[in-house]
PDB file of N, CA and C in Angstrom:
ATOM      1  N   UNK A   1       0.787  -1.176   0.020  1.00  0.00           N
ATOM      2  CA  UNK A   1      -0.125   0.011   0.024  1.00  0.00           C
ATOM      3  C   UNK A   1       0.946   1.189  -0.004  1.00  0.00           C
ATOM      4  N   UNK A   2       0.640   2.047  -0.987  1.00  0.00           N
ATOM      5  CA  UNK A   2       1.298   3.189  -0.870  1.00  0.00           C
ATOM      6  C   UNK A   2       1.104   4.410   0.052  1.00  0.00           C
ATOM      7  N   UNK A   3       1.641   4.946   0.688  1.00  0.00           N
ATOM      8  CA  UNK A   3       1.256   5.949   1.680  1.00  0.00           C
ATOM      9  C   UNK A   3       1.048   7.390   1.543  1.00  0.00           C
ATOM     10  N   UNK A   4       1.628   7.357   0.135  1.00  0.00           N
ATOM     11  CA  UNK A   4       1.647   9.117  -0.357  1.00  0.00           C
ATOM     12  C   UNK A   4       2.456   9.870   0.766  1.00  0.00           C
ATOM     13  N   UNK A   5       2.872  11.008  -0.249  1.00  0.00           N
ATOM     14  CA  UNK A   5       2.622  11.588  -1.331  1.00  0.00           C
ATOM     15  C   UNK A   5       3.513  10.895  -2.123  1.00  0.00           C
ATOM     16  N   UNK A   6       3.172  10.953  -3.607  1.00  0.00           N
ATOM     17  CA  UNK A   6       3.993  10.313  -4.829  1.00  0.00           C
ATOM     18  C   UNK A   6       5.258  11.122  -4.929  1.00  0.00           C
ATOM     19  N   UNK A   7       6.304  10.570  -5.247  1.00  0.00           N
ATOM     20  CA  UNK A   7       7.521  11.472  -5.610  1.00  0.00           C
ATOM     21  C   UNK A   7       7.263  11.442  -7.117  1.00  0.00           C
ATOM     22  N   UNK A   8       6.914  12.130  -7.698  1.00  0.00           N
ATOM     23  CA  UNK A   8       6.632  11.913  -9.305  1.00  0.00           C
ATOM     24  C   UNK A   8       8.122  12.634  -9.902  1.00  0.00           C
ATOM     25  N   UNK A   9       8.459  11.316 -10.613  1.00  0.00           N
ATOM     26  CA  UNK A   9      10.148  11.619 -11.265  1.00  0.00           C
ATOM     27  C   UNK A   9      10.971  10.805 -10.660  1.00  0.00           C
ATOM     28  N   UNK A  10      10.667  10.297  -9.203  1.00  0.00           N
ATOM     29  CA  UNK A  10      11.702   9.913  -8.657  1.00  0.00           C
ATOM     30  C   UNK A  10      11.233   8.516  -8.007  1.00  0.00           C
ATOM     31  N   UNK A  11      10.035   8.016  -7.695  1.00  0.00           N
ATOM     32  CA  UNK A  11       9.796   6.857  -7.571  1.00  0.00           C
ATOM     33  C   UNK A  11       8.662   6.323  -8.839  1.00  0.00           C
ATOM     34  N   UNK A  12       8.269   7.069  -9.514  1.00  0.00           N
ATOM     35  CA  UNK A  12       7.351   6.753 -10.882  1.00  0.00           C
ATOM     36  C   UNK A  12       7.040   7.810 -11.653  1.00  0.00           C
ATOM     37  N   UNK A  13       6.814   7.686 -12.897  1.00  0.00           N
ATOM     38  CA  UNK A  13       6.705   8.772 -13.971  1.00  0.00           C
ATOM     39  C   UNK A  13       5.098   9.109 -13.605  1.00  0.00           C
ATOM     40  N   UNK A  14       4.556  10.251 -13.913  1.00  0.00           N
ATOM     41  CA  UNK A  14       3.551  10.763 -13.508  1.00  0.00           C
ATOM     42  C   UNK A  14       2.409   9.925 -14.579  1.00  0.00           C
ATOM     43  N   UNK A  15       2.765   9.533 -15.618  1.00  0.00           N
ATOM     44  CA  UNK A  15       1.964   8.642 -16.507  1.00  0.00           C
ATOM     45  C   UNK A  15       1.477   7.691 -15.852  1.00  0.00           C
ATOM     46  N   UNK A  16       2.352   6.932 -15.199  1.00  0.00           N
ATOM     47  CA  UNK A  16       2.138   5.480 -14.380  1.00  0.00           C
ATOM     48  C   UNK A  16       1.357   5.827 -13.263  1.00  0.00           C
ATOM     49  N   UNK A  17       1.712   6.864 -12.522  1.00  0.00           N
ATOM     50  CA  UNK A  17       0.834   7.046 -11.343  1.00  0.00           C
ATOM     51  C   UNK A  17      -0.913   7.771 -11.439  1.00  0.00           C
ATOM     52  N   UNK A  18      -0.911   8.306 -12.680  1.00  0.00           N
ATOM     53  CA  UNK A  18      -2.121   8.874 -12.946  1.00  0.00           C
ATOM     54  C   UNK A  18      -2.777   7.996 -14.127  1.00  0.00           C
ATOM     55  N   UNK A  19      -2.195   6.740 -14.431  1.00  0.00           N
ATOM     56  CA  UNK A  19      -2.687   6.013 -15.478  1.00  0.00           C
ATOM     57  C   UNK A  19      -3.969   5.289 -15.039  1.00  0.00           C
ATOM     58  N   UNK A  20      -4.808   4.981 -16.069  1.00  0.00           N
ATOM     59  CA  UNK A  20      -6.032   4.319 -15.939  1.00  0.00           C
ATOM     60  C   UNK A  20      -5.979   2.897 -14.848  1.00  0.00           C
ATOM     61  N   UNK A  21      -4.864   2.250 -14.783  1.00  0.00           N
ATOM     62  CA  UNK A  21      -4.719   0.923 -13.795  1.00  0.00           C
ATOM     63  C   UNK A  21      -4.265   1.472 -12.517  1.00  0.00           C
ATOM     64  N   UNK A  22      -3.986   3.002 -12.106  1.00  0.00           N
ATOM     65  CA  UNK A  22      -3.185   3.116 -11.027  1.00  0.00           C
ATOM     66  C   UNK A  22      -4.216   3.124  -9.743  1.00  0.00           C
ATOM     67  N   UNK A  23      -3.874   2.658  -8.912  1.00  0.00           N
ATOM     68  CA  UNK A  23      -4.748   2.403  -7.649  1.00  0.00           C
ATOM     69  C   UNK A  23      -3.949   3.504  -6.308  1.00  0.00           C
ATOM     70  N   UNK A  24      -3.149   3.822  -7.005  1.00  0.00           N
ATOM     71  CA  UNK A  24      -2.192   4.848  -5.624  1.00  0.00           C
ATOM     72  C   UNK A  24      -3.108   5.763  -5.095  1.00  0.00           C
ATOM     73  N   UNK A  25      -3.787   6.375  -5.640  1.00  0.00           N
ATOM     74  CA  UNK A  25      -4.655   7.472  -4.886  1.00  0.00           C
ATOM     75  C   UNK A  25      -5.872   6.830  -3.721  1.00  0.00           C
ATOM     76  N   UNK A  26      -6.321   5.843  -4.379  1.00  0.00           N
ATOM     77  CA  UNK A  26      -7.250   5.027  -3.717  1.00  0.00           C
ATOM     78  C   UNK A  26      -6.347   4.249  -2.336  1.00  0.00           C
ATOM     79  N   UNK A  27      -5.119   3.818  -2.388  1.00  0.00           N
ATOM     80  CA  UNK A  27      -4.679   3.226  -1.455  1.00  0.00           C
ATOM     81  C   UNK A  27      -4.090   4.228  -0.692  1.00  0.00           C
ATOM     82  N   UNK A  28      -3.881   5.659  -0.976  1.00  0.00           N
ATOM     83  CA  UNK A  28      -3.649   6.818  -0.086  1.00  0.00           C
ATOM     84  C   UNK A  28      -5.030   7.153   0.766  1.00  0.00           C
ATOM     85  N   UNK A  29      -5.767   6.975  -0.131  1.00  0.00           N
ATOM     86  CA  UNK A  29      -7.119   7.330   0.535  1.00  0.00           C
ATOM     87  C   UNK A  29      -7.603   6.586   1.524  1.00  0.00           C
ATOM     88  N   UNK A  30      -7.238   5.381   1.366  1.00  0.00           N
ATOM     89  CA  UNK A  30      -7.847   4.439   2.505  1.00  0.00           C
ATOM     90  C   UNK A  30      -6.770   3.971   3.714  1.00  0.00           C
ATOM     91  N   UNK A  31      -5.347   4.100   3.203  1.00  0.00           N
ATOM     92  CA  UNK A  31      -4.413   3.568   3.892  1.00  0.00           C
ATOM     93  C   UNK A  31      -4.185   4.159   5.418  1.00  0.00           C
ATOM     94  N   UNK A  32      -4.943   5.485   5.441  1.00  0.00           N
ATOM     95  CA  UNK A  32      -4.630   5.786   7.003  1.00  0.00           C
ATOM     96  C   UNK A  32      -5.668   5.092   8.235  1.00  0.00           C
ATOM     97  N   UNK A  33      -7.066   4.957   7.086  1.00  0.00           N
ATOM     98  CA  UNK A  33      -7.940   4.158   7.965  1.00  0.00           C
ATOM     99  C   UNK A  33      -7.526   3.131   8.371  1.00  0.00           C
ATOM    100  N   UNK A  34      -6.875   1.868   7.491  1.00  0.00           N
ATOM    101  CA  UNK A  34      -6.512   0.793   7.394  1.00  0.00           C
ATOM    102  C   UNK A  34      -5.449   0.730   8.625  1.00  0.00           C
ATOM    103  N   UNK A  35      -4.336   1.554   8.491  1.00  0.00           N
ATOM    104  CA  UNK A  35      -3.216   1.501   9.505  1.00  0.00           C
ATOM    105  C   UNK A  35      -3.688   1.611  10.944  1.00  0.00           C
ATOM    106  N   UNK A  36      -4.792   2.806  10.772  1.00  0.00           N
ATOM    107  CA  UNK A  36      -5.345   3.096  12.185  1.00  0.00           C
ATOM    108  C   UNK A  36      -6.156   1.844  12.952  1.00  0.00           C
ATOM    109  N   UNK A  37      -6.870   1.108  11.860  1.00  0.00           N
ATOM    110  CA  UNK A  37      -7.535  -0.229  12.372  1.00  0.00           C
ATOM    111  C   UNK A  37      -6.668  -1.069  12.777  1.00  0.00           C
ATOM    112  N   UNK A  38      -5.543  -1.225  12.233  1.00  0.00           N
ATOM    113  CA  UNK A  38      -4.750  -2.400  12.428  1.00  0.00           C
ATOM    114  C   UNK A  38      -4.030  -1.777  13.962  1.00  0.00           C
ATOM    115  N   UNK A  39      -3.461  -1.079  14.046  1.00  0.00           N
ATOM    116  CA  UNK A  39      -3.127  -0.291  15.584  1.00  0.00           C
ATOM    117  C   UNK A  39      -4.001  -0.667  16.707  1.00  0.00           C
ATOM    118  N   UNK A  40      -5.305  -0.271  16.351  1.00  0.00           N
ATOM    119  CA  UNK A  40      -6.282  -0.443  17.370  1.00  0.00           C
ATOM    120  C   UNK A  40      -6.377  -1.853  17.869  1.00  0.00           C
ATOM    121  N   UNK A  41      -6.676  -2.798  16.600  1.00  0.00           N
ATOM    122  CA  UNK A  41      -6.813  -4.400  16.748  1.00  0.00           C
ATOM    123  C   UNK A  41      -5.576  -4.976  17.924  1.00  0.00           C
ATOM    124  N   UNK A  42      -4.283  -4.476  16.953  1.00  0.00           N
ATOM    125  CA  UNK A  42      -3.231  -4.898  18.029  1.00  0.00           C
ATOM    126  C   UNK A  42      -3.208  -4.432  19.386  1.00  0.00           C
ATOM    127  N   UNK A  43      -3.526  -3.077  19.406  1.00  0.00           N
ATOM    128  CA  UNK A  43      -3.720  -2.705  21.022  1.00  0.00           C
ATOM    129  C   UNK A  43      -4.744  -3.334  21.731  1.00  0.00           C
ATOM    130  N   UNK A  44      -5.749  -3.938  21.068  1.00  0.00           N
ATOM    131  CA  UNK A  44      -6.885  -4.438  22.169  1.00  0.00           C
ATOM    132  C   UNK A  44      -6.444  -5.761  22.473  1.00  0.00           C
ATOM    133  N   UNK A  45      -5.740  -6.425  21.535  1.00  0.00           N
ATOM    134  CA  UNK A  45      -5.132  -7.578  21.790  1.00  0.00           C
ATOM    135  C   UNK A  45      -4.191  -7.755  22.865  1.00  0.00           C
ATOM    136  N   UNK A  46      -3.519  -6.869  22.988  1.00  0.00           N
ATOM    137  CA  UNK A  46      -2.119  -6.785  23.861  1.00  0.00           C
ATOM    138  C   UNK A  46      -2.644  -6.164  24.939  1.00  0.00           C
ATOM    139  N   UNK A  47      -3.935  -5.491  25.133  1.00  0.00           N
ATOM    140  CA  UNK A  47      -3.996  -4.418  26.273  1.00  0.00           C
ATOM    141  C   UNK A  47      -4.391  -5.258  27.437  1.00  0.00           C
ATOM    142  N   UNK A  48      -5.343  -6.612  27.412  1.00  0.00           N
ATOM    143  CA  UNK A  48      -5.824  -7.427  28.339  1.00  0.00           C
ATOM    144  C   UNK A  48      -5.526  -8.638  28.579  1.00  0.00           C
ATOM    145  N   UNK A  49      -4.879  -9.118  29.390  1.00  0.00           N
ATOM    146  CA  UNK A  49      -4.616 -11.145  29.328  1.00  0.00           C
ATOM    147  C   UNK A  49      -5.283 -11.168  30.613  1.00  0.00           C
ATOM    148  N   UNK A  50      -5.834 -12.281  30.413  1.00  0.00           N
ATOM    149  CA  UNK A  50      -6.263 -13.423  31.938  1.00  0.00           C
ATOM    150  C   UNK A  50      -5.370 -14.255  31.870  1.00  0.00           C
ATOM    151  N   UNK A  51      -4.890 -14.756  33.339  1.00  0.00           N
ATOM    152  CA  UNK A  51      -4.004 -15.627  33.744  1.00  0.00           C
ATOM    153  C   UNK A  51      -5.080 -16.946  33.799  1.00  0.00           C
ATOM    154  N   UNK A  52      -4.330 -17.878  34.362  1.00  0.00           N
ATOM    155  CA  UNK A  52      -5.311 -19.067  34.425  1.00  0.00           C
ATOM    156  C   UNK A  52      -6.317 -19.248  35.663  1.00  0.00           C
ATOM    157  N   UNK A  53      -6.465 -18.204  36.571  1.00  0.00           N
ATOM    158  CA  UNK A  53      -7.147 -17.724  37.460  1.00  0.00           C
ATOM    159  C   UNK A  53      -8.097 -16.894  37.563  1.00  0.00           C
ATOM    160  N   UNK A  54      -8.066 -16.228  36.110  1.00  0.00           N
ATOM    161  CA  UNK A  54      -8.869 -15.526  35.798  1.00  0.00           C
ATOM    162  C   UNK A  54      -8.770 -14.033  36.218  1.00  0.00           C
ATOM    163  N   UNK A  55      -7.830 -13.742  36.568  1.00  0.00           N
ATOM    164  CA  UNK A  55      -7.161 -12.338  37.060  1.00  0.00           C
ATOM    165  C   UNK A  55      -7.018 -11.432  35.462  1.00  0.00           C
ATOM    166  N   UNK A  56      -7.032 -10.342  35.401  1.00  0.00           N
ATOM    167  CA  UNK A  56      -6.732  -9.544  34.257  1.00  0.00           C
ATOM    168  C   UNK A  56      -5.886  -8.560  34.429  1.00  0.00           C
ATOM    169  N   UNK A  57      -4.856  -8.399  33.690  1.00  0.00           N
ATOM    170  CA  UNK A  57      -3.627  -7.773  33.861  1.00  0.00           C
ATOM    171  C   UNK A  57      -3.931  -6.685  32.640  1.00  0.00           C
ATOM    172  N   UNK A  58      -3.327  -5.819  32.966  1.00  0.00           N
ATOM    173  CA  UNK A  58      -3.508  -4.658  31.924  1.00  0.00           C
ATOM    174  C   UNK A  58      -2.023  -4.469  31.331  1.00  0.00           C
ATOM    175  N   UNK A  59      -1.846  -4.253  29.810  1.00  0.00           N
ATOM    176  CA  UNK A  59      -0.551  -4.099  29.255  1.00  0.00           C
ATOM    177  C   UNK A  59      -0.593  -2.945  28.517  1.00  0.00           C
ATOM    178  N   UNK A  60       0.652  -2.238  28.308  1.00  0.00           N
ATOM    179  CA  UNK A  60       0.987  -1.262  27.618  1.00  0.00           C
ATOM    180  C   UNK A  60       1.359  -1.712  26.087  1.00  0.00           C
ATOM    181  N   UNK A  61       1.141  -1.278  24.944  1.00  0.00           N
ATOM    182  CA  UNK A  61       1.689  -1.681  24.047  1.00  0.00           C
ATOM    183  C   UNK A  61       3.021  -0.557  23.536  1.00  0.00           C
ATOM    184  N   UNK A  62       4.164  -1.244  23.081  1.00  0.00           N
ATOM    185  CA  UNK A  62       5.471  -0.263  22.473  1.00  0.00           C
ATOM    186  C   UNK A  62       5.385  -1.009  21.100  1.00  0.00           C
ATOM    187  N   UNK A  63       5.013   0.234  20.160  1.00  0.00           N
ATOM    188  CA  UNK A  63       5.419   0.186  18.872  1.00  0.00           C
ATOM    189  C   UNK A  63       6.880   0.722  18.718  1.00  0.00           C
ATOM    190  N   UNK A  64       7.797  -0.222  18.274  1.00  0.00           N
ATOM    191  CA  UNK A  64       9.287   0.184  18.177  1.00  0.00           C
ATOM    192  C   UNK A  64       9.812   0.710  16.491  1.00  0.00           C
ATOM    193  N   UNK A  65      10.621   1.815  16.329  1.00  0.00           N
ATOM    194  CA  UNK A  65      10.709   2.283  15.026  1.00  0.00           C
ATOM    195  C   UNK A  65       9.479   2.511  14.120  1.00  0.00           C
ATOM    196  N   UNK A  66       8.215   2.698  14.725  1.00  0.00           N
ATOM    197  CA  UNK A  66       7.269   3.152  13.759  1.00  0.00           C
ATOM    198  C   UNK A  66       7.349   4.383  13.222  1.00  0.00           C
ATOM    199  N   UNK A  67       6.670   4.554  11.877  1.00  0.00           N
ATOM    200  CA  UNK A  67       6.656   5.735  11.279  1.00  0.00           C
ATOM    201  C   UNK A  67       5.465   6.760  11.797  1.00  0.00           C
ATOM    202  N   UNK A  68       6.250   8.010  12.272  1.00  0.00           N
ATOM    203  CA  UNK A  68       5.294   9.063  12.922  1.00  0.00           C
ATOM    204  C   UNK A  68       5.280   9.946  11.969  1.00  0.00           C
ATOM    205  N   UNK A  69       3.570  10.251  11.262  1.00  0.00           N
ATOM    206  CA  UNK A  69       3.436  11.520  10.785  1.00  0.00           C
ATOM    207  C   UNK A  69       2.798  12.496  11.395  1.00  0.00           C
ATOM    208  N   UNK A  70       3.011  13.505  11.731  1.00  0.00           N
ATOM    209  CA  UNK A  70       2.004  14.504  12.509  1.00  0.00           C
ATOM    210  C   UNK A  70       2.235  15.925  11.570  1.00  0.00           C
ATOM    211  N   UNK A  71       1.532  16.150  10.524  1.00  0.00           N
ATOM    212  CA  UNK A  71       1.334  17.418   9.706  1.00  0.00           C
ATOM    213  C   UNK A  71       1.515  18.609  10.590  1.00  0.00           C
ATOM    214  N   UNK A  72       0.483  18.864  11.734  1.00  0.00           N
ATOM    215  CA  UNK A  72       0.734  19.776  12.336  1.00  0.00           C
ATOM    216  C   UNK A  72       2.005  20.121  12.944  1.00  0.00           C
ATOM    217  N   UNK A  73       2.757  19.364  13.490  1.00  0.00           N
ATOM    218  CA  UNK A  73       4.018  19.614  14.102  1.00  0.00           C
ATOM    219  C   UNK A  73       5.113  19.288  13.149  1.00  0.00           C
ATOM    220  N   UNK A  74       5.125  19.133  11.905  1.00  0.00           N
ATOM    221  CA  UNK A  74       6.069  18.956  10.676  1.00  0.00           C
ATOM    222  C   UNK A  74       6.937  17.636  11.274  1.00  0.00           C
ATOM    223  N   UNK A  75       6.324  16.617  11.673  1.00  0.00           N
ATOM    224  CA  UNK A  75       7.341  15.439  11.670  1.00  0.00           C
ATOM    225  C   UNK A  75       6.656  14.379  11.228  1.00  0.00           C
ATOM    226  N   UNK A  76       7.854  13.742  10.505  1.00  0.00           N
ATOM    227  CA  UNK A  76       7.555  12.601   9.420  1.00  0.00           C
ATOM    228  C   UNK A  76       9.068  11.867  10.071  1.00  0.00           C
ATOM    229  N   UNK A  77       8.883  10.796  10.694  1.00  0.00           N
ATOM    230  CA  UNK A  77      10.436  10.403  11.240  1.00  0.00           C
ATOM    231  C   UNK A  77       9.522   9.025  11.737  1.00  0.00           C
ATOM    232  N   UNK A  78      10.967   8.075  12.095  1.00  0.00           N
ATOM    233  CA  UNK A  78      10.459   6.755  12.742  1.00  0.00           C
ATOM    234  C   UNK A  78      10.705   7.093  14.254  1.00  0.00           C
ATOM    235  N   UNK A  79       9.818   6.649  15.169  1.00  0.00           N
ATOM    236  CA  UNK A  79       9.954   6.873  16.525  1.00  0.00           C
ATOM    237  C   UNK A  79       9.451   5.809  17.210  1.00  0.00           C
ATOM    238  N   UNK A  80       9.736   5.374  18.459  1.00  0.00           N
ATOM    239  CA  UNK A  80       8.715   4.485  19.132  1.00  0.00           C
ATOM    240  C   UNK A  80       7.708   5.571  19.526  1.00  0.00           C
ATOM    241  N   UNK A  81       6.765   4.423  19.842  1.00  0.00           N
ATOM    242  CA  UNK A  81       5.389   4.949  20.223  1.00  0.00           C
ATOM    243  C   UNK A  81       4.839   4.033  21.271  1.00  0.00           C
ATOM    244  N   UNK A  82       4.626   4.649  22.322  1.00  0.00           N
ATOM    245  CA  UNK A  82       4.092   3.740  23.540  1.00  0.00           C
ATOM    246  C   UNK A  82       2.356   4.313  23.807  1.00  0.00           C
ATOM    247  N   UNK A  83       1.836   3.070  23.839  1.00  0.00           N
ATOM    248  CA  UNK A  83       0.058   3.310  23.751  1.00  0.00           C
ATOM    249  C   UNK A  83      -0.330   2.774  25.094  1.00  0.00           C
ATOM    250  N   UNK A  84      -0.882   3.509  26.131  1.00  0.00           N
ATOM    251  CA  UNK A  84      -1.499   3.277  27.130  1.00  0.00           C
ATOM    252  C   UNK A  84      -2.975   3.614  27.215  1.00  0.00           C
ATOM    253  N   UNK A  85      -3.882   2.591  27.771  1.00  0.00           N
ATOM    254  CA  UNK A  85      -5.296   2.803  27.941  1.00  0.00           C
ATOM    255  C   UNK A  85      -5.662   3.182  26.207  1.00  0.00           C
ATOM    256  N   UNK A  86      -5.198   3.086  25.437  1.00  0.00           N
ATOM    257  CA  UNK A  86      -5.773   2.980  24.088  1.00  0.00           C
ATOM    258  C   UNK A  86      -5.440   4.569  23.518  1.00  0.00           C
ATOM    259  N   UNK A  87      -4.708   5.015  24.017  1.00  0.00           N
ATOM    260  CA  UNK A  87      -4.371   6.321  23.923  1.00  0.00           C
ATOM    261  C   UNK A  87      -2.437   6.490  23.703  1.00  0.00           C
ATOM    262  N   UNK A  88      -2.075   7.160  23.005  1.00  0.00           N
ATOM    263  CA  UNK A  88      -0.827   7.691  22.725  1.00  0.00           C
ATOM    264  C   UNK A  88      -0.149   8.304  23.958  1.00  0.00           C
ATOM    265  N   UNK A  89       0.494   7.731  24.661  1.00  0.00           N
ATOM    266  CA  UNK A  89       1.369   8.259  25.814  1.00  0.00           C
ATOM    267  C   UNK A  89       2.520   8.870  25.767  1.00  0.00           C
ATOM    268  N   UNK A  90       3.489   8.476  24.750  1.00  0.00           N
ATOM    269  CA  UNK A  90       4.495   9.155  24.733  1.00  0.00           C
ATOM    270  C   UNK A  90       5.078   8.668  23.055  1.00  0.00           C
ATOM    271  N   UNK A  91       6.080   9.742  22.622  1.00  0.00           N
ATOM    272  CA  UNK A  91       6.518   9.264  21.355  1.00  0.00           C
ATOM    273  C   UNK A  91       8.216   9.724  21.703  1.00  0.00           C
ATOM    274  N   UNK A  92       8.897   8.630  21.357  1.00  0.00           N
ATOM    275  CA  UNK A  92      10.358   8.482  21.660  1.00  0.00           C
ATOM    276  C   UNK A  92      11.092   8.497  20.478  1.00  0.00           C
ATOM    277  N   UNK A  93      12.531   8.711  20.784  1.00  0.00           N
ATOM    278  CA  UNK A  93      13.606   8.239  19.466  1.00  0.00           C
ATOM    279  C   UNK A  93      13.647   6.726  19.209  1.00  0.00           C
ATOM    280  N   UNK A  94      13.774   6.285  17.901  1.00  0.00           N
ATOM    281  CA  UNK A  94      13.730   5.014  17.500  1.00  0.00           C
ATOM    282  C   UNK A  94      15.322   4.730  17.864  1.00  0.00           C
ATOM    283  N   UNK A  95      15.683   3.521  18.219  1.00  0.00           N
ATOM    284  CA  UNK A  95      16.840   2.981  18.632  1.00  0.00           C
ATOM    285  C   UNK A  95      17.445   2.194  17.251  1.00  0.00           C
TER     286      UNK A  95
END
């Protein structure tokens, strides 16, 4: 899935990107929603675990070296992202 934007003339020529068989714009449109859904599902699976006695344990999720894109703060880099209680708790440097 192409995350966009397209680097025309570097990644591919405009004729290919805009061609009749191109699905890049559709992938860019749907890509964010798909990535958010995957993160949500992964976080839900990792968030709660029950041991053999039925005791529920809360877990934090840590995504290492994930790509963080924040246009408001002009961030587009790889970072570690800590998710606690289904919210981004901290963004740090990737190792």
